[in-house]
Amino acid sequence: MASENLFIRPACIRWFRTKGDRHCLYRALSESYEQPLTPEEIWALRGLLSKRVHAMSTRSHQSGLSLKDHIWAEHKIGVDDYCKRRATTEVFGGPHEIEAYVEEKGGAFSVRIWTEVFLNGE
């Protein structure tokens, strides 16, 4: 019975308030390891994760589709253009970049992102 508890780990939940400036995912990923990034390091992380997404693009997911098929279905662009855009422009990151980050760092990782919208103009 004791072996049942081997896979139970306490959850660690930390909240970060960050502005949605199209670099927020990359900052959130780095801050989860308590490593805030400079603007130059954010661009380097974008480049690294874009290369990793490209390298992973032919893998099949549970759906049977490859990552490049998912990218086409979601964004209507090829994986080359998707990765170049993520590496060189201020476009929001998403689940593909999180998956690439997990592979780069190793281990398990979970990110939840909520956007607060204030209707009163705040």
N, C-alpha and C. Protein backbone atom coordinates (compact mmCIF):
# COMPACT_ATOMS: atom_id res chain seq x y z
N MET A 1 0.81 -1.20 0.00
CA MET A 1 0.00 0.00 0.00
C MET A 1 0.86 1.27 0.00
N ALA A 2 2.02 1.22 0.60
CA ALA A 2 2.87 2.40 0.66
C ALA A 2 3.32 2.84 -0.74
N SER A 3 3.45 1.88 -1.66
CA SER A 3 3.91 2.23 -3.00
C SER A 3 2.90 3.10 -3.74
N GLU A 4 1.63 3.08 -3.33
CA GLU A 4 0.63 3.92 -3.97
C GLU A 4 0.94 5.40 -3.80
N ASN A 5 1.64 5.75 -2.73
CA ASN A 5 1.94 7.15 -2.44
C ASN A 5 3.20 7.65 -3.15
N LEU A 6 3.93 6.77 -3.82
CA LEU A 6 5.18 7.18 -4.47
C LEU A 6 4.96 8.24 -5.55
N PHE A 7 3.82 8.20 -6.20
CA PHE A 7 3.57 9.11 -7.31
C PHE A 7 2.76 10.33 -6.91
N ILE A 8 2.44 10.45 -5.65
CA ILE A 8 1.69 11.60 -5.18
C ILE A 8 2.68 12.65 -4.70
N ARG A 9 2.62 13.79 -5.32
CA ARG A 9 3.51 14.89 -4.95
C ARG A 9 2.64 16.09 -4.59
N PRO A 10 3.05 16.85 -3.60
CA PRO A 10 2.26 18.04 -3.26
C PRO A 10 2.29 19.04 -4.42
N ALA A 11 1.18 19.68 -4.62
CA ALA A 11 1.10 20.69 -5.67
C ALA A 11 1.76 21.96 -5.20
N CYS A 12 2.43 22.61 -6.10
CA CYS A 12 3.05 23.90 -5.81
C CYS A 12 2.40 24.92 -6.73
N ILE A 13 1.65 25.79 -6.15
CA ILE A 13 0.96 26.80 -6.95
C ILE A 13 1.51 28.16 -6.58
N ARG A 14 2.00 28.87 -7.59
CA ARG A 14 2.47 30.23 -7.38
C ARG A 14 1.82 31.12 -8.41
N TRP A 15 1.42 32.27 -7.98
CA TRP A 15 0.76 33.24 -8.86
C TRP A 15 1.74 34.32 -9.22
N PHE A 16 1.79 34.66 -10.49
CA PHE A 16 2.61 35.77 -10.96
C PHE A 16 1.69 36.73 -11.69
N ARG A 17 1.78 37.97 -11.36
CA ARG A 17 1.04 38.98 -12.10
C ARG A 17 2.01 39.54 -13.13
N THR A 18 1.62 39.45 -14.37
CA THR A 18 2.48 39.93 -15.44
C THR A 18 1.62 40.60 -16.50
N LYS A 19 2.18 41.57 -17.15
CA LYS A 19 1.41 42.25 -18.19
C LYS A 19 1.41 41.42 -19.47
N GLY A 20 0.31 41.45 -20.18
CA GLY A 20 0.18 40.71 -21.42
C GLY A 20 0.82 41.45 -22.56
N ASP A 21 2.14 41.40 -22.63
CA ASP A 21 2.87 42.17 -23.62
C ASP A 21 3.43 41.30 -24.76
N ARG A 22 2.88 40.13 -24.94
CA ARG A 22 3.29 39.17 -25.96
C ARG A 22 4.58 38.45 -25.62
N HIS A 23 5.20 38.77 -24.50
CA HIS A 23 6.35 38.03 -23.98
C HIS A 23 5.98 37.34 -22.67
N CYS A 24 4.73 37.45 -22.26
CA CYS A 24 4.32 37.01 -20.92
C CYS A 24 4.52 35.52 -20.69
N LEU A 25 4.27 34.68 -21.68
CA LEU A 25 4.47 33.25 -21.50
C LEU A 25 5.93 32.95 -21.23
N TYR A 26 6.81 33.58 -21.97
CA TYR A 26 8.24 33.32 -21.82
C TYR A 26 8.74 33.79 -20.45
N ARG A 27 8.22 34.92 -19.99
CA ARG A 27 8.59 35.38 -18.65
C ARG A 27 8.03 34.44 -17.58
N ALA A 28 6.78 33.99 -17.76
CA ALA A 28 6.16 33.09 -16.78
C ALA A 28 6.93 31.78 -16.70
N LEU A 29 7.35 31.25 -17.83
CA LEU A 29 8.12 30.01 -17.82
C LEU A 29 9.42 30.18 -17.06
N SER A 30 10.13 31.25 -17.32
CA SER A 30 11.42 31.46 -16.65
C SER A 30 11.24 31.78 -15.17
N GLU A 31 10.21 32.54 -14.83
CA GLU A 31 9.99 32.90 -13.43
C GLU A 31 9.57 31.70 -12.59
N SER A 32 9.01 30.69 -13.23
CA SER A 32 8.64 29.49 -12.49
C SER A 32 9.88 28.81 -11.93
N TYR A 33 11.03 29.04 -12.53
CA TYR A 33 12.30 28.54 -12.02
C TYR A 33 13.07 29.64 -11.30
N GLU A 34 12.39 30.72 -10.98
CA GLU A 34 12.97 31.87 -10.29
C GLU A 34 14.19 32.42 -11.03
N GLN A 35 14.04 32.50 -12.36
CA GLN A 35 15.09 33.04 -13.20
C GLN A 35 14.52 34.12 -14.11
N PRO A 36 14.23 35.31 -13.57
CA PRO A 36 13.71 36.37 -14.42
C PRO A 36 14.68 36.66 -15.57
N LEU A 37 14.12 36.98 -16.72
CA LEU A 37 14.94 37.18 -17.91
C LEU A 37 15.01 38.64 -18.31
N THR A 38 16.15 39.01 -18.88
CA THR A 38 16.30 40.32 -19.49
C THR A 38 15.60 40.27 -20.85
N PRO A 39 15.34 41.43 -21.47
CA PRO A 39 14.74 41.40 -22.81
C PRO A 39 15.56 40.57 -23.81
N GLU A 40 16.87 40.66 -23.75
CA GLU A 40 17.72 39.89 -24.66
C GLU A 40 17.56 38.39 -24.41
N GLU A 41 17.45 38.01 -23.15
CA GLU A 41 17.28 36.59 -22.81
C GLU A 41 15.91 36.07 -23.24
N ILE A 42 14.90 36.94 -23.20
CA ILE A 42 13.58 36.54 -23.67
C ILE A 42 13.64 36.20 -25.16
N TRP A 43 14.32 37.04 -25.94
CA TRP A 43 14.45 36.77 -27.38
C TRP A 43 15.25 35.48 -27.60
N ALA A 44 16.28 35.24 -26.79
CA ALA A 44 17.06 34.01 -26.91
C ALA A 44 16.19 32.79 -26.58
N LEU A 45 15.34 32.90 -25.55
CA LEU A 45 14.44 31.81 -25.20
C LEU A 45 13.43 31.56 -26.32
N ARG A 46 12.92 32.64 -26.91
CA ARG A 46 12.01 32.49 -28.05
C ARG A 46 12.70 31.70 -29.17
N GLY A 47 13.94 32.04 -29.47
CA GLY A 47 14.68 31.34 -30.53
C GLY A 47 14.91 29.88 -30.19
N LEU A 48 15.31 29.61 -28.96
CA LEU A 48 15.56 28.24 -28.52
C LEU A 48 14.30 27.40 -28.61
N LEU A 49 13.18 27.93 -28.11
CA LEU A 49 11.94 27.16 -28.12
C LEU A 49 11.40 27.00 -29.54
N SER A 50 11.61 27.99 -30.38
CA SER A 50 11.18 27.86 -31.78
C SER A 50 11.94 26.73 -32.47
N LYS A 51 13.24 26.63 -32.21
CA LYS A 51 14.02 25.52 -32.78
C LYS A 51 13.53 24.18 -32.24
N ARG A 52 13.20 24.15 -30.97
CA ARG A 52 12.72 22.91 -30.36
C ARG A 52 11.35 22.52 -30.94
N VAL A 53 10.45 23.48 -31.11
CA VAL A 53 9.15 23.20 -31.73
C VAL A 53 9.37 22.64 -33.13
N HIS A 54 10.27 23.24 -33.89
CA HIS A 54 10.54 22.77 -35.24
C HIS A 54 11.06 21.33 -35.21
N ALA A 55 11.95 21.03 -34.29
CA ALA A 55 12.50 19.67 -34.18
C ALA A 55 11.43 18.65 -33.79
N MET A 56 10.43 19.09 -33.05
CA MET A 56 9.36 18.20 -32.60
C MET A 56 8.21 18.12 -33.60
N SER A 57 8.27 18.86 -34.68
CA SER A 57 7.10 19.07 -35.54
C SER A 57 6.57 17.82 -36.24
N THR A 58 7.39 16.81 -36.40
CA THR A 58 6.91 15.61 -37.09
C THR A 58 6.36 14.56 -36.13
N ARG A 59 6.47 14.78 -34.85
CA ARG A 59 5.95 13.82 -33.87
C ARG A 59 4.43 13.78 -33.90
N SER A 60 3.91 12.60 -33.70
CA SER A 60 2.46 12.45 -33.62
C SER A 60 2.00 12.63 -32.18
N HIS A 61 0.85 13.22 -32.03
CA HIS A 61 0.23 13.39 -30.72
C HIS A 61 -0.87 12.35 -30.56
N GLN A 62 -1.52 12.37 -29.42
CA GLN A 62 -2.59 11.41 -29.15
C GLN A 62 -3.68 11.46 -30.21
N SER A 63 -3.87 12.61 -30.80
CA SER A 63 -4.91 12.76 -31.83
C SER A 63 -4.54 12.06 -33.13
N GLY A 64 -3.26 11.65 -33.25
CA GLY A 64 -2.80 11.05 -34.49
C GLY A 64 -2.21 12.06 -35.45
N LEU A 65 -2.40 13.34 -35.14
CA LEU A 65 -1.84 14.40 -35.97
C LEU A 65 -0.45 14.77 -35.47
N SER A 66 0.39 15.20 -36.39
CA SER A 66 1.70 15.69 -36.00
C SER A 66 1.57 17.12 -35.48
N LEU A 67 2.63 17.59 -34.83
CA LEU A 67 2.64 18.97 -34.35
C LEU A 67 2.49 19.94 -35.52
N LYS A 68 3.15 19.65 -36.64
CA LYS A 68 3.01 20.57 -37.79
C LYS A 68 1.58 20.58 -38.32
N ASP A 69 0.87 19.44 -38.22
CA ASP A 69 -0.54 19.41 -38.61
C ASP A 69 -1.38 20.27 -37.66
N HIS A 70 -1.06 20.20 -36.37
CA HIS A 70 -1.77 21.04 -35.40
C HIS A 70 -1.52 22.52 -35.68
N ILE A 71 -0.27 22.85 -35.98
CA ILE A 71 0.07 24.24 -36.29
C ILE A 71 -0.70 24.71 -37.53
N TRP A 72 -0.76 23.88 -38.55
CA TRP A 72 -1.51 24.26 -39.75
C TRP A 72 -2.99 24.45 -39.43
N ALA A 73 -3.56 23.52 -38.65
CA ALA A 73 -4.99 23.60 -38.32
C ALA A 73 -5.31 24.85 -37.50
N GLU A 74 -4.41 25.22 -36.60
CA GLU A 74 -4.66 26.37 -35.72
C GLU A 74 -4.31 27.70 -36.36
N HIS A 75 -3.24 27.76 -37.13
CA HIS A 75 -2.71 29.04 -37.59
C HIS A 75 -2.72 29.22 -39.11
N LYS A 76 -2.98 28.15 -39.84
CA LYS A 76 -3.00 28.19 -41.31
C LYS A 76 -1.68 28.65 -41.91
N ILE A 77 -0.58 28.28 -41.25
CA ILE A 77 0.76 28.51 -41.79
C ILE A 77 1.60 27.26 -41.54
N GLY A 78 2.66 27.12 -42.31
CA GLY A 78 3.56 25.99 -42.14
C GLY A 78 4.41 26.12 -40.89
N VAL A 79 5.04 25.03 -40.51
CA VAL A 79 5.84 25.03 -39.29
C VAL A 79 7.05 25.95 -39.42
N ASP A 80 7.64 26.07 -40.60
CA ASP A 80 8.78 26.97 -40.78
C ASP A 80 8.39 28.42 -40.48
N ASP A 81 7.27 28.85 -41.07
CA ASP A 81 6.80 30.22 -40.85
C ASP A 81 6.38 30.43 -39.40
N TYR A 82 5.71 29.43 -38.83
CA TYR A 82 5.27 29.52 -37.43
C TYR A 82 6.48 29.74 -36.52
N CYS A 83 7.49 28.91 -36.68
CA CYS A 83 8.66 28.99 -35.80
C CYS A 83 9.44 30.28 -36.02
N LYS A 84 9.57 30.70 -37.27
CA LYS A 84 10.27 31.96 -37.55
C LYS A 84 9.53 33.13 -36.91
N ARG A 85 8.22 33.10 -37.03
CA ARG A 85 7.41 34.20 -36.46
C ARG A 85 7.54 34.24 -34.95
N ARG A 86 7.50 33.07 -34.29
CA ARG A 86 7.61 33.02 -32.84
C ARG A 86 8.98 33.51 -32.36
N ALA A 87 10.01 33.24 -33.16
CA ALA A 87 11.37 33.60 -32.76
C ALA A 87 11.70 35.06 -33.01
N THR A 88 11.02 35.69 -33.97
CA THR A 88 11.47 37.02 -34.40
C THR A 88 10.45 38.13 -34.22
N THR A 89 9.24 37.82 -33.79
CA THR A 89 8.24 38.87 -33.60
C THR A 89 7.60 38.74 -32.23
N GLU A 90 6.97 39.78 -31.79
CA GLU A 90 6.29 39.79 -30.49
C GLU A 90 4.90 39.19 -30.63
N VAL A 91 4.87 37.88 -30.84
CA VAL A 91 3.60 37.17 -30.94
C VAL A 91 3.50 36.26 -29.71
N PHE A 92 2.27 36.12 -29.21
CA PHE A 92 2.05 35.31 -28.01
C PHE A 92 2.52 33.87 -28.22
N GLY A 93 3.10 33.29 -27.18
CA GLY A 93 3.42 31.87 -27.17
C GLY A 93 2.21 31.07 -26.73
N GLY A 94 2.27 29.77 -26.89
CA GLY A 94 1.13 28.93 -26.53
C GLY A 94 1.56 27.53 -26.14
N PRO A 95 0.66 26.56 -26.31
CA PRO A 95 0.93 25.20 -25.83
C PRO A 95 2.13 24.53 -26.50
N HIS A 96 2.42 24.87 -27.74
CA HIS A 96 3.57 24.26 -28.41
C HIS A 96 4.87 24.73 -27.77
N GLU A 97 4.91 25.98 -27.39
CA GLU A 97 6.10 26.51 -26.73
C GLU A 97 6.25 25.93 -25.33
N ILE A 98 5.13 25.72 -24.65
CA ILE A 98 5.19 25.10 -23.32
C ILE A 98 5.72 23.67 -23.45
N GLU A 99 5.22 22.94 -24.41
CA GLU A 99 5.69 21.57 -24.63
C GLU A 99 7.19 21.56 -24.94
N ALA A 100 7.65 22.50 -25.75
CA ALA A 100 9.07 22.60 -26.08
C ALA A 100 9.89 22.94 -24.84
N TYR A 101 9.36 23.81 -23.99
CA TYR A 101 10.06 24.20 -22.77
C TYR A 101 10.20 23.01 -21.83
N VAL A 102 9.14 22.24 -21.69
CA VAL A 102 9.18 21.06 -20.83
C VAL A 102 10.24 20.09 -21.34
N GLU A 103 10.28 19.89 -22.63
CA GLU A 103 11.28 18.98 -23.18
C GLU A 103 12.69 19.53 -22.97
N GLU A 104 12.85 20.83 -23.13
CA GLU A 104 14.17 21.45 -22.94
C GLU A 104 14.64 21.32 -21.50
N LYS A 105 13.74 21.58 -20.55
CA LYS A 105 14.09 21.53 -19.13
C LYS A 105 14.05 20.13 -18.56
N GLY A 106 13.22 19.27 -19.15
CA GLY A 106 13.03 17.93 -18.60
C GLY A 106 12.04 17.97 -17.46
N GLY A 107 11.37 16.87 -17.22
CA GLY A 107 10.44 16.79 -16.11
C GLY A 107 9.04 17.22 -16.49
N ALA A 108 8.23 17.37 -15.47
CA ALA A 108 6.83 17.74 -15.66
C ALA A 108 6.65 19.21 -15.35
N PHE A 109 5.69 19.81 -16.01
CA PHE A 109 5.48 21.24 -15.85
C PHE A 109 4.04 21.53 -16.21
N SER A 110 3.42 22.39 -15.46
CA SER A 110 2.05 22.76 -15.76
C SER A 110 1.91 24.26 -15.62
N VAL A 111 1.32 24.88 -16.61
CA VAL A 111 1.13 26.33 -16.60
C VAL A 111 -0.34 26.62 -16.84
N ARG A 112 -0.89 27.49 -16.04
CA ARG A 112 -2.25 27.97 -16.24
C ARG A 112 -2.16 29.48 -16.40
N ILE A 113 -2.73 29.99 -17.45
CA ILE A 113 -2.68 31.42 -17.71
C ILE A 113 -4.10 31.94 -17.81
N TRP A 114 -4.38 32.95 -17.03
CA TRP A 114 -5.67 33.61 -17.10
C TRP A 114 -5.43 35.06 -17.48
N THR A 115 -6.30 35.57 -18.28
CA THR A 115 -6.25 36.98 -18.65
C THR A 115 -7.43 37.66 -17.99
N GLU A 116 -7.13 38.69 -17.24
CA GLU A 116 -8.19 39.45 -16.59
C GLU A 116 -8.61 40.57 -17.51
N VAL A 117 -9.89 40.67 -17.73
CA VAL A 117 -10.44 41.74 -18.55
C VAL A 117 -11.37 42.55 -17.67
N PHE A 118 -11.09 43.83 -17.60
CA PHE A 118 -11.91 44.71 -16.80
C PHE A 118 -12.84 45.49 -17.71
N LEU A 119 -14.10 45.38 -17.47
CA LEU A 119 -15.08 46.05 -18.32
C LEU A 119 -15.19 47.54 -18.00
N ASN A 120 -14.69 47.93 -16.84
CA ASN A 120 -14.82 49.33 -16.46
C ASN A 120 -13.60 50.16 -16.88
N GLY A 121 -12.74 49.60 -17.71
CA GLY A 121 -11.62 50.37 -18.25
C GLY A 121 -10.34 50.31 -17.44
N GLU A 122 -10.32 49.58 -16.32
CA GLU A 122 -9.09 49.50 -15.53
C GLU A 122 -8.06 48.66 -16.23
